[in-house]
Structure formats: structure tokens, C-alpha cells
Amino acid sequence: MSSISLTIRILDKDYQVNCKPEERDALIMSAKMLDEKMDEIRRGSHIIGVERIAVMAALNLAHDLIRSEQTVKADAETSHLLQSMNIKLTSALSDLNG
């Protein structure tokens, strides 16, 4: 598989990374999100050192991902419950109408 070389910038430092051409946009968006999160942590806390800022950013992003996954799961469960209720209501109405 072919790959492309891409320069991303995180906390004012350039990194050269390789990725598949079809993953380019997602990598750019990921790097932007990481840069913003790390900059937010650097500006809003007393954490010193890029490594510590990176760890805190990774923890925050992982936490956000887990919460999103839980929300999707809860939404799917709610949708399933509503479908079940709709089937029961349709059946009950059908029984009433004879």
C-alpha cells in the first residue's frame, strides 16, 4: 500500500508522519484536535512539560471517546425500547379495532 508523508504541527513543533492517502484528512483533523487540547491544557493549568501535557490530553480525549461510546450505546438501547413499545402499541390498537 502506498503512503504519503505529512507534516503536522502540535504545540508549535512539526512532526513528520506517514499515512494512507485516504486517511490524510482524518489525520489532519486528529492533529488539530490534539493540538487544541494540548494548548488548552498548557494555557489553563500549571502543568509543565510537553510530555505531561500530552498525557493529560490523551486522558481527556480517551475520556471523551468513552463518554461518546456510552451515549451511542444508550441511544441504541433507547431506540430499541421505543421500537418494542411501538410494536406493542400497534398490536394493542389492532386488537381494539377488531
PDB file of N, CA and C in Angstrom:
ATOM      1  N   MET A   1       0.836  -1.177   0.000  1.00  0.00           N
ATOM      2  CA  MET A   1       0.000   0.000   0.000  1.00  0.00           C
ATOM      3  C   MET A   1       0.882   1.240   0.000  1.00  0.00           C
ATOM      4  N   SER A   2       0.434   2.239  -0.723  1.00  0.00           N
ATOM      5  CA  SER A   2       1.194   3.472  -0.779  1.00  0.00           C
ATOM      6  C   SER A   2       0.864   4.340   0.423  1.00  0.00           C
ATOM      7  N   SER A   3       1.830   5.134   0.797  1.00  0.00           N
ATOM      8  CA  SER A   3       1.594   6.072   1.888  1.00  0.00           C
ATOM      9  C   SER A   3       2.157   7.421   1.483  1.00  0.00           C
ATOM     10  N   ILE A   4       1.647   8.432   2.151  1.00  0.00           N
ATOM     11  CA  ILE A   4       2.121   9.785   1.903  1.00  0.00           C
ATOM     12  C   ILE A   4       2.761  10.314   3.177  1.00  0.00           C
ATOM     13  N   SER A   5       3.648  11.247   3.005  1.00  0.00           N
ATOM     14  CA  SER A   5       4.301  11.888   4.135  1.00  0.00           C
ATOM     15  C   SER A   5       3.590  13.207   4.392  1.00  0.00           C
ATOM     16  N   LEU A   6       3.331  13.462   5.655  1.00  0.00           N
ATOM     17  CA  LEU A   6       2.552  14.632   6.029  1.00  0.00           C
ATOM     18  C   LEU A   6       3.223  15.300   7.224  1.00  0.00           C
ATOM     19  N   THR A   7       3.283  16.619   7.204  1.00  0.00           N
ATOM     20  CA  THR A   7       3.814  17.359   8.335  1.00  0.00           C
ATOM     21  C   THR A   7       2.646  17.903   9.136  1.00  0.00           C
ATOM     22  N   ILE A   8       2.623  17.559  10.419  1.00  0.00           N
ATOM     23  CA  ILE A   8       1.597  18.099  11.311  1.00  0.00           C
ATOM     24  C   ILE A   8       2.290  18.939  12.370  1.00  0.00           C
ATOM     25  N   ARG A   9       1.564  19.899  12.899  1.00  0.00           N
ATOM     26  CA  ARG A   9       2.137  20.809  13.894  1.00  0.00           C
ATOM     27  C   ARG A   9       1.332  20.688  15.183  1.00  0.00           C
ATOM     28  N   ILE A  10       2.049  20.361  16.258  1.00  0.00           N
ATOM     29  CA  ILE A  10       1.428  20.230  17.572  1.00  0.00           C
ATOM     30  C   ILE A  10       2.269  21.004  18.575  1.00  0.00           C
ATOM     31  N   LEU A  11       1.642  21.922  19.264  1.00  0.00           N
ATOM     32  CA  LEU A  11       2.305  22.808  20.228  1.00  0.00           C
ATOM     33  C   LEU A  11       3.579  23.423  19.648  1.00  0.00           C
ATOM     34  N   ASP A  12       3.418  24.023  18.487  1.00  0.00           N
ATOM     35  CA  ASP A  12       4.499  24.756  17.822  1.00  0.00           C
ATOM     36  C   ASP A  12       5.681  23.889  17.413  1.00  0.00           C
ATOM     37  N   LYS A  13       5.468  22.588  17.311  1.00  0.00           N
ATOM     38  CA  LYS A  13       6.533  21.684  16.867  1.00  0.00           C
ATOM     39  C   LYS A  13       5.998  20.846  15.708  1.00  0.00           C
ATOM     40  N   ASP A  14       6.828  20.718  14.662  1.00  0.00           N
ATOM     41  CA  ASP A  14       6.445  19.944  13.492  1.00  0.00           C
ATOM     42  C   ASP A  14       6.821  18.479  13.663  1.00  0.00           C
ATOM     43  N   TYR A  15       5.921  17.610  13.190  1.00  0.00           N
ATOM     44  CA  TYR A  15       6.140  16.168  13.199  1.00  0.00           C
ATOM     45  C   TYR A  15       5.866  15.643  11.793  1.00  0.00           C
ATOM     46  N   GLN A  16       6.746  14.806  11.314  1.00  0.00           N
ATOM     47  CA  GLN A  16       6.583  14.173  10.011  1.00  0.00           C
ATOM     48  C   GLN A  16       5.973  12.795  10.239  1.00  0.00           C
ATOM     49  N   VAL A  17       4.821  12.534   9.623  1.00  0.00           N
ATOM     50  CA  VAL A  17       4.144  11.247   9.787  1.00  0.00           C
ATOM     51  C   VAL A  17       3.745  10.709   8.415  1.00  0.00           C
ATOM     52  N   ASN A  18       3.627   9.404   8.338  1.00  0.00           N
ATOM     53  CA  ASN A  18       3.170   8.742   7.122  1.00  0.00           C
ATOM     54  C   ASN A  18       1.774   8.205   7.345  1.00  0.00           C
ATOM     55  N   CYS A  19       0.973   8.250   6.305  1.00  0.00           N
ATOM     56  CA  CYS A  19      -0.372   7.696   6.379  1.00  0.00           C
ATOM     57  C   CYS A  19      -0.829   7.319   4.978  1.00  0.00           C
ATOM     58  N   LYS A  20      -1.898   6.552   4.918  1.00  0.00           N
ATOM     59  CA  LYS A  20      -2.502   6.223   3.629  1.00  0.00           C
ATOM     60  C   LYS A  20      -3.172   7.486   3.091  1.00  0.00           C
ATOM     61  N   PRO A  21      -3.184   7.667   1.776  1.00  0.00           N
ATOM     62  CA  PRO A  21      -3.799   8.880   1.221  1.00  0.00           C
ATOM     63  C   PRO A  21      -5.242   9.090   1.680  1.00  0.00           C
ATOM     64  N   GLU A  22      -5.999   8.004   1.803  1.00  0.00           N
ATOM     65  CA  GLU A  22      -7.405   8.143   2.206  1.00  0.00           C
ATOM     66  C   GLU A  22      -7.567   8.496   3.690  1.00  0.00           C
ATOM     67  N   GLU A  23      -6.493   8.408   4.468  1.00  0.00           N
ATOM     68  CA  GLU A  23      -6.542   8.753   5.893  1.00  0.00           C
ATOM     69  C   GLU A  23      -6.010  10.146   6.179  1.00  0.00           C
ATOM     70  N   ARG A  24      -5.594  10.859   5.140  1.00  0.00           N
ATOM     71  CA  ARG A  24      -4.969  12.174   5.289  1.00  0.00           C
ATOM     72  C   ARG A  24      -5.861  13.160   6.043  1.00  0.00           C
ATOM     73  N   ASP A  25      -7.091  13.327   5.600  1.00  0.00           N
ATOM     74  CA  ASP A  25      -7.985  14.310   6.220  1.00  0.00           C
ATOM     75  C   ASP A  25      -8.248  13.984   7.685  1.00  0.00           C
ATOM     76  N   ALA A  26      -8.454  12.694   7.989  1.00  0.00           N
ATOM     77  CA  ALA A  26      -8.698  12.292   9.376  1.00  0.00           C
ATOM     78  C   ALA A  26      -7.467  12.559  10.236  1.00  0.00           C
ATOM     79  N   LEU A  27      -6.274  12.330   9.694  1.00  0.00           N
ATOM     80  CA  LEU A  27      -5.047  12.591  10.444  1.00  0.00           C
ATOM     81  C   LEU A  27      -4.887  14.085  10.711  1.00  0.00           C
ATOM     82  N   ILE A  28      -5.181  14.893   9.712  1.00  0.00           N
ATOM     83  CA  ILE A  28      -5.087  16.350   9.895  1.00  0.00           C
ATOM     84  C   ILE A  28      -6.069  16.804  10.976  1.00  0.00           C
ATOM     85  N   MET A  29      -7.301  16.299  10.930  1.00  0.00           N
ATOM     86  CA  MET A  29      -8.295  16.665  11.945  1.00  0.00           C
ATOM     87  C   MET A  29      -7.869  16.180  13.333  1.00  0.00           C
ATOM     88  N   SER A  30      -7.297  14.984  13.408  1.00  0.00           N
ATOM     89  CA  SER A  30      -6.832  14.449  14.688  1.00  0.00           C
ATOM     90  C   SER A  30      -5.707  15.296  15.262  1.00  0.00           C
ATOM     91  N   ALA A  31      -4.771  15.672  14.413  1.00  0.00           N
ATOM     92  CA  ALA A  31      -3.651  16.506  14.859  1.00  0.00           C
ATOM     93  C   ALA A  31      -4.151  17.869  15.339  1.00  0.00           C
ATOM     94  N   LYS A  32      -5.125  18.426  14.631  1.00  0.00           N
ATOM     95  CA  LYS A  32      -5.693  19.719  15.039  1.00  0.00           C
ATOM     96  C   LYS A  32      -6.381  19.593  16.396  1.00  0.00           C
ATOM     97  N   MET A  33      -7.144  18.512  16.571  1.00  0.00           N
ATOM     98  CA  MET A  33      -7.833  18.294  17.843  1.00  0.00           C
ATOM     99  C   MET A  33      -6.825  18.133  18.986  1.00  0.00           C
ATOM    100  N   LEU A  34      -5.778  17.361  18.751  1.00  0.00           N
ATOM    101  CA  LEU A  34      -4.754  17.153  19.775  1.00  0.00           C
ATOM    102  C   LEU A  34      -4.039  18.460  20.096  1.00  0.00           C
ATOM    103  N   ASP A  35      -3.684  19.214  19.066  1.00  0.00           N
ATOM    104  CA  ASP A  35      -3.016  20.493  19.277  1.00  0.00           C
ATOM    105  C   ASP A  35      -3.878  21.430  20.112  1.00  0.00           C
ATOM    106  N   GLU A  36      -5.162  21.504  19.781  1.00  0.00           N
ATOM    107  CA  GLU A  36      -6.078  22.378  20.530  1.00  0.00           C
ATOM    108  C   GLU A  36      -6.204  21.927  21.983  1.00  0.00           C
ATOM    109  N   LYS A  37      -6.332  20.616  22.196  1.00  0.00           N
ATOM    110  CA  LYS A  37      -6.471  20.093  23.564  1.00  0.00           C
ATOM    111  C   LYS A  37      -5.205  20.357  24.368  1.00  0.00           C
ATOM    112  N   MET A  38      -4.039  20.121  23.759  1.00  0.00           N
ATOM    113  CA  MET A  38      -2.780  20.346  24.472  1.00  0.00           C
ATOM    114  C   MET A  38      -2.577  21.822  24.764  1.00  0.00           C
ATOM    115  N   ASP A  39      -2.937  22.685  23.823  1.00  0.00           N
ATOM    116  CA  ASP A  39      -2.807  24.126  24.041  1.00  0.00           C
ATOM    117  C   ASP A  39      -3.747  24.581  25.157  1.00  0.00           C
ATOM    118  N   GLU A  40      -4.961  24.030  25.167  1.00  0.00           N
ATOM    119  CA  GLU A  40      -5.930  24.343  26.225  1.00  0.00           C
ATOM    120  C   GLU A  40      -5.373  23.947  27.599  1.00  0.00           C
ATOM    121  N   ILE A  41      -4.776  22.776  27.675  1.00  0.00           N
ATOM    122  CA  ILE A  41      -4.202  22.311  28.946  1.00  0.00           C
ATOM    123  C   ILE A  41      -3.015  23.176  29.341  1.00  0.00           C
ATOM    124  N   ARG A  42      -2.165  23.509  28.381  1.00  0.00           N
ATOM    125  CA  ARG A  42      -0.981  24.334  28.672  1.00  0.00           C
ATOM    126  C   ARG A  42      -1.398  25.710  29.184  1.00  0.00           C
ATOM    127  N   ARG A  43      -2.420  26.322  28.569  1.00  0.00           N
ATOM    128  CA  ARG A  43      -2.858  27.657  28.969  1.00  0.00           C
ATOM    129  C   ARG A  43      -3.665  27.650  30.262  1.00  0.00           C
ATOM    130  N   GLY A  44      -4.402  26.544  30.517  1.00  0.00           N
ATOM    131  CA  GLY A  44      -5.341  26.540  31.629  1.00  0.00           C
ATOM    132  C   GLY A  44      -4.870  25.828  32.881  1.00  0.00           C
ATOM    133  N   SER A  45      -3.623  25.428  32.919  1.00  0.00           N
ATOM    134  CA  SER A  45      -3.153  24.709  34.108  1.00  0.00           C
ATOM    135  C   SER A  45      -1.696  25.040  34.377  1.00  0.00           C
ATOM    136  N   HIS A  46      -1.218  24.475  35.452  1.00  0.00           N
ATOM    137  CA  HIS A  46       0.178  24.696  35.831  1.00  0.00           C
ATOM    138  C   HIS A  46       1.045  23.498  35.450  1.00  0.00           C
ATOM    139  N   ILE A  47       0.543  22.669  34.559  1.00  0.00           N
ATOM    140  CA  ILE A  47       1.307  21.501  34.130  1.00  0.00           C
ATOM    141  C   ILE A  47       2.464  21.968  33.261  1.00  0.00           C
ATOM    142  N   ILE A  48       3.634  21.492  33.598  1.00  0.00           N
ATOM    143  CA  ILE A  48       4.839  21.882  32.879  1.00  0.00           C
ATOM    144  C   ILE A  48       5.391  20.663  32.149  1.00  0.00           C
ATOM    145  N   GLY A  49       5.805  20.866  30.930  1.00  0.00           N
ATOM    146  CA  GLY A  49       6.420  19.810  30.141  1.00  0.00           C
ATOM    147  C   GLY A  49       5.470  19.251  29.109  1.00  0.00           C
ATOM    148  N   VAL A  50       5.983  19.161  27.898  1.00  0.00           N
ATOM    149  CA  VAL A  50       5.170  18.697  26.783  1.00  0.00           C
ATOM    150  C   VAL A  50       4.689  17.267  27.016  1.00  0.00           C
ATOM    151  N   GLU A  51       5.530  16.430  27.596  1.00  0.00           N
ATOM    152  CA  GLU A  51       5.143  15.033  27.826  1.00  0.00           C
ATOM    153  C   GLU A  51       3.958  14.939  28.778  1.00  0.00           C
ATOM    154  N   ARG A  52       3.988  15.699  29.842  1.00  0.00           N
ATOM    155  CA  ARG A  52       2.872  15.678  30.802  1.00  0.00           C
ATOM    156  C   ARG A  52       1.599  16.257  30.179  1.00  0.00           C
ATOM    157  N   ILE A  53       1.760  17.313  29.399  1.00  0.00           N
ATOM    158  CA  ILE A  53       0.608  17.894  28.712  1.00  0.00           C
ATOM    159  C   ILE A  53       0.022  16.871  27.745  1.00  0.00           C
ATOM    160  N   ALA A  54       0.887  16.143  27.032  1.00  0.00           N
ATOM    161  CA  ALA A  54       0.420  15.124  26.080  1.00  0.00           C
ATOM    162  C   ALA A  54      -0.337  14.011  26.794  1.00  0.00           C
ATOM    163  N   VAL A  55       0.155  13.591  27.956  1.00  0.00           N
ATOM    164  CA  VAL A  55      -0.531  12.535  28.714  1.00  0.00           C
ATOM    165  C   VAL A  55      -1.895  13.022  29.175  1.00  0.00           C
ATOM    166  N   MET A  56      -1.976  14.238  29.677  1.00  0.00           N
ATOM    167  CA  MET A  56      -3.259  14.776  30.120  1.00  0.00           C
ATOM    168  C   MET A  56      -4.223  14.919  28.936  1.00  0.00           C
ATOM    169  N   ALA A  57      -3.718  15.363  27.799  1.00  0.00           N
ATOM    170  CA  ALA A  57      -4.560  15.485  26.610  1.00  0.00           C
ATOM    171  C   ALA A  57      -5.062  14.113  26.178  1.00  0.00           C
ATOM    172  N   ALA A  58      -4.188  13.112  26.207  1.00  0.00           N
ATOM    173  CA  ALA A  58      -4.593  11.755  25.837  1.00  0.00           C
ATOM    174  C   ALA A  58      -5.670  11.237  26.784  1.00  0.00           C
ATOM    175  N   LEU A  59      -5.513  11.474  28.073  1.00  0.00           N
ATOM    176  CA  LEU A  59      -6.525  11.052  29.045  1.00  0.00           C
ATOM    177  C   LEU A  59      -7.853  11.752  28.800  1.00  0.00           C
ATOM    178  N   ASN A  60      -7.804  13.045  28.537  1.00  0.00           N
ATOM    179  CA  ASN A  60      -9.037  13.796  28.269  1.00  0.00           C
ATOM    180  C   ASN A  60      -9.727  13.296  27.006  1.00  0.00           C
ATOM    181  N   LEU A  61      -8.972  13.070  25.946  1.00  0.00           N
ATOM    182  CA  LEU A  61      -9.557  12.608  24.694  1.00  0.00           C
ATOM    183  C   LEU A  61     -10.102  11.191  24.827  1.00  0.00           C
ATOM    184  N   ALA A  62      -9.393  10.322  25.567  1.00  0.00           N
ATOM    185  CA  ALA A  62      -9.885   8.963  25.800  1.00  0.00           C
ATOM    186  C   ALA A  62     -11.188   9.001  26.601  1.00  0.00           C
ATOM    187  N   HIS A  63     -11.248   9.872  27.592  1.00  0.00           N
ATOM    188  CA  HIS A  63     -12.462  10.033  28.395  1.00  0.00           C
ATOM    189  C   HIS A  63     -13.631  10.498  27.525  1.00  0.00           C
ATOM    190  N   ASP A  64     -13.365  11.471  26.656  1.00  0.00           N
ATOM    191  CA  ASP A  64     -14.410  11.959  25.743  1.00  0.00           C
ATOM    192  C   ASP A  64     -14.895  10.843  24.820  1.00  0.00           C
ATOM    193  N   LEU A  65     -13.976  10.018  24.337  1.00  0.00           N
ATOM    194  CA  LEU A  65     -14.331   8.907  23.460  1.00  0.00           C
ATOM    195  C   LEU A  65     -15.217   7.899  24.178  1.00  0.00           C
ATOM    196  N   ILE A  66     -14.845   7.555  25.405  1.00  0.00           N
ATOM    197  CA  ILE A  66     -15.630   6.596  26.186  1.00  0.00           C
ATOM    198  C   ILE A  66     -17.027   7.148  26.450  1.00  0.00           C
ATOM    199  N   ARG A  67     -17.130   8.424  26.813  1.00  0.00           N
ATOM    200  CA  ARG A  67     -18.448   9.029  27.039  1.00  0.00           C
ATOM    201  C   ARG A  67     -19.287   9.022  25.772  1.00  0.00           C
ATOM    202  N   SER A  68     -18.667   9.288  24.632  1.00  0.00           N
ATOM    203  CA  SER A  68     -19.392   9.254  23.359  1.00  0.00           C
ATOM    204  C   SER A  68     -19.888   7.849  23.052  1.00  0.00           C
ATOM    205  N   GLU A  69     -19.044   6.855  23.282  1.00  0.00           N
ATOM    206  CA  GLU A  69     -19.450   5.465  23.043  1.00  0.00           C
ATOM    207  C   GLU A  69     -20.608   5.075  23.958  1.00  0.00           C
ATOM    208  N   GLN A  70     -20.557   5.517  25.213  1.00  0.00           N
ATOM    209  CA  GLN A  70     -21.640   5.214  26.144  1.00  0.00           C
ATOM    210  C   GLN A  70     -22.938   5.885  25.703  1.00  0.00           C
ATOM    211  N   THR A  71     -22.847   7.100  25.193  1.00  0.00           N
ATOM    212  CA  THR A  71     -24.023   7.811  24.701  1.00  0.00           C
ATOM    213  C   THR A  71     -24.629   7.093  23.504  1.00  0.00           C
ATOM    214  N   VAL A  72     -23.773   6.642  22.591  1.00  0.00           N
ATOM    215  CA  VAL A  72     -24.258   5.911  21.417  1.00  0.00           C
ATOM    216  C   VAL A  72     -24.949   4.622  21.861  1.00  0.00           C
ATOM    217  N   LYS A  73     -24.366   3.928  22.823  1.00  0.00           N
ATOM    218  CA  LYS A  73     -24.961   2.683  23.320  1.00  0.00           C
ATOM    219  C   LYS A  73     -26.313   2.974  23.981  1.00  0.00           C
ATOM    220  N   ALA A  74     -26.369   4.015  24.790  1.00  0.00           N
ATOM    221  CA  ALA A  74     -27.629   4.368  25.455  1.00  0.00           C
ATOM    222  C   ALA A  74     -28.683   4.771  24.421  1.00  0.00           C
ATOM    223  N   ASP A  75     -28.273   5.496  23.382  1.00  0.00           N
ATOM    224  CA  ASP A  75     -29.212   5.887  22.330  1.00  0.00           C
ATOM    225  C   ASP A  75     -29.739   4.660  21.596  1.00  0.00           C
ATOM    226  N   ALA A  76     -28.874   3.687  21.345  1.00  0.00           N
ATOM    227  CA  ALA A  76     -29.303   2.461  20.661  1.00  0.00           C
ATOM    228  C   ALA A  76     -30.289   1.686  21.530  1.00  0.00           C
ATOM    229  N   GLU A  77     -30.023   1.627  22.834  1.00  0.00           N
ATOM    230  CA  GLU A  77     -30.927   0.934  23.751  1.00  0.00           C
ATOM    231  C   GLU A  77     -32.281   1.640  23.812  1.00  0.00           C
ATOM    232  N   THR A  78     -32.258   2.960  23.823  1.00  0.00           N
ATOM    233  CA  THR A  78     -33.498   3.734  23.833  1.00  0.00           C
ATOM    234  C   THR A  78     -34.283   3.504  22.553  1.00  0.00           C
ATOM    235  N   SER A  79     -33.585   3.483  21.432  1.00  0.00           N
ATOM    236  CA  SER A  79     -34.241   3.241  20.148  1.00  0.00           C
ATOM    237  C   SER A  79     -34.881   1.858  20.125  1.00  0.00           C
ATOM    238  N   HIS A  80     -34.168   0.865  20.641  1.00  0.00           N
ATOM    239  CA  HIS A  80     -34.712  -0.496  20.694  1.00  0.00           C
ATOM    240  C   HIS A  80     -35.957  -0.542  21.582  1.00  0.00           C
ATOM    241  N   LEU A  81     -35.907   0.131  22.718  1.00  0.00           N
ATOM    242  CA  LEU A  81     -37.049   0.179  23.630  1.00  0.00           C
ATOM    243  C   LEU A  81     -38.252   0.846  22.959  1.00  0.00           C
ATOM    244  N   LEU A  82     -38.011   1.957  22.268  1.00  0.00           N
ATOM    245  CA  LEU A  82     -39.101   2.653  21.575  1.00  0.00           C
ATOM    246  C   LEU A  82     -39.705   1.792  20.465  1.00  0.00           C
ATOM    247  N   GLN A  83     -38.869   1.067  19.747  1.00  0.00           N
ATOM    248  CA  GLN A  83     -39.384   0.168  18.704  1.00  0.00           C
ATOM    249  C   GLN A  83     -40.253  -0.916  19.324  1.00  0.00           C
ATOM    250  N   SER A  84     -39.807  -1.471  20.441  1.00  0.00           N
ATOM    251  CA  SER A  84     -40.570  -2.507  21.131  1.00  0.00           C
ATOM    252  C   SER A  84     -41.915  -1.963  21.599  1.00  0.00           C
ATOM    253  N   MET A  85     -41.883  -0.760  22.173  1.00  0.00           N
ATOM    254  CA  MET A  85     -43.131  -0.139  22.634  1.00  0.00           C
ATOM    255  C   MET A  85     -44.065   0.133  21.456  1.00  0.00           C
ATOM    256  N   ASN A  86     -43.523   0.572  20.326  1.00  0.00           N
ATOM    257  CA  ASN A  86     -44.318   0.850  19.146  1.00  0.00           C
ATOM    258  C   ASN A  86     -45.003  -0.430  18.645  1.00  0.00           C
ATOM    259  N   ILE A  87     -44.283  -1.536  18.649  1.00  0.00           N
ATOM    260  CA  ILE A  87     -44.862  -2.816  18.230  1.00  0.00           C
ATOM    261  C   ILE A  87     -46.011  -3.205  19.156  1.00  0.00           C
ATOM    262  N   LYS A  88     -45.802  -3.047  20.465  1.00  0.00           N
ATOM    263  CA  LYS A  88     -46.843  -3.400  21.431  1.00  0.00           C
ATOM    264  C   LYS A  88     -48.069  -2.497  21.280  1.00  0.00           C
ATOM    265  N   LEU A  89     -47.831  -1.194  21.085  1.00  0.00           N
ATOM    266  CA  LEU A  89     -48.958  -0.272  20.902  1.00  0.00           C
ATOM    267  C   LEU A  89     -49.720  -0.569  19.615  1.00  0.00           C
ATOM    268  N   THR A  90     -49.003  -0.855  18.560  1.00  0.00           N
ATOM    269  CA  THR A  90     -49.653  -1.189  17.292  1.00  0.00           C
ATOM    270  C   THR A  90     -50.493  -2.449  17.445  1.00  0.00           C
ATOM    271  N   SER A  91     -49.948  -3.421  18.151  1.00  0.00           N
ATOM    272  CA  SER A  91     -50.674  -4.661  18.382  1.00  0.00           C
ATOM    273  C   SER A  91     -51.925  -4.404  19.226  1.00  0.00           C
ATOM    274  N   ALA A  92     -51.791  -3.604  20.285  1.00  0.00           N
ATOM    275  CA  ALA A  92     -52.921  -3.300  21.150  1.00  0.00           C
ATOM    276  C   ALA A  92     -54.018  -2.552  20.386  1.00  0.00           C
ATOM    277  N   LEU A  93     -53.617  -1.588  19.564  1.00  0.00           N
ATOM    278  CA  LEU A  93     -54.589  -0.840  18.764  1.00  0.00           C
ATOM    279  C   LEU A  93     -55.276  -1.765  17.742  1.00  0.00           C
ATOM    280  N   SER A  94     -54.516  -2.660  17.201  1.00  0.00           N
ATOM    281  CA  SER A  94     -55.079  -3.607  16.247  1.00  0.00           C
ATOM    282  C   SER A  94     -56.125  -4.496  16.931  1.00  0.00           C
ATOM    283  N   ASP A  95     -55.822  -4.940  18.158  1.00  0.00           N
ATOM    284  CA  ASP A  95     -56.759  -5.769  18.915  1.00  0.00           C
ATOM    285  C   ASP A  95     -58.055  -4.994  19.237  1.00  0.00           C
ATOM    286  N   LEU A  96     -57.907  -3.693  19.529  1.00  0.00           N
ATOM    287  CA  LEU A  96     -59.075  -2.868  19.860  1.00  0.00           C
ATOM    288  C   LEU A  96     -59.970  -2.638  18.639  1.00  0.00           C
ATOM    289  N   ASN A  97     -59.336  -2.525  17.479  1.00  0.00           N
ATOM    290  CA  ASN A  97     -60.074  -2.266  16.248  1.00  0.00           C
ATOM    291  C   ASN A  97     -60.696  -3.536  15.657  1.00  0.00           C
ATOM    292  N   GLY A  98     -60.362  -4.638  16.243  1.00  0.00           N
ATOM    293  CA  GLY A  98     -61.046  -5.846  15.944  1.00  0.00           C
ATOM    294  C   GLY A  98     -60.582  -6.678  14.868  1.00  0.00           C
TER     295      GLY A  98
END
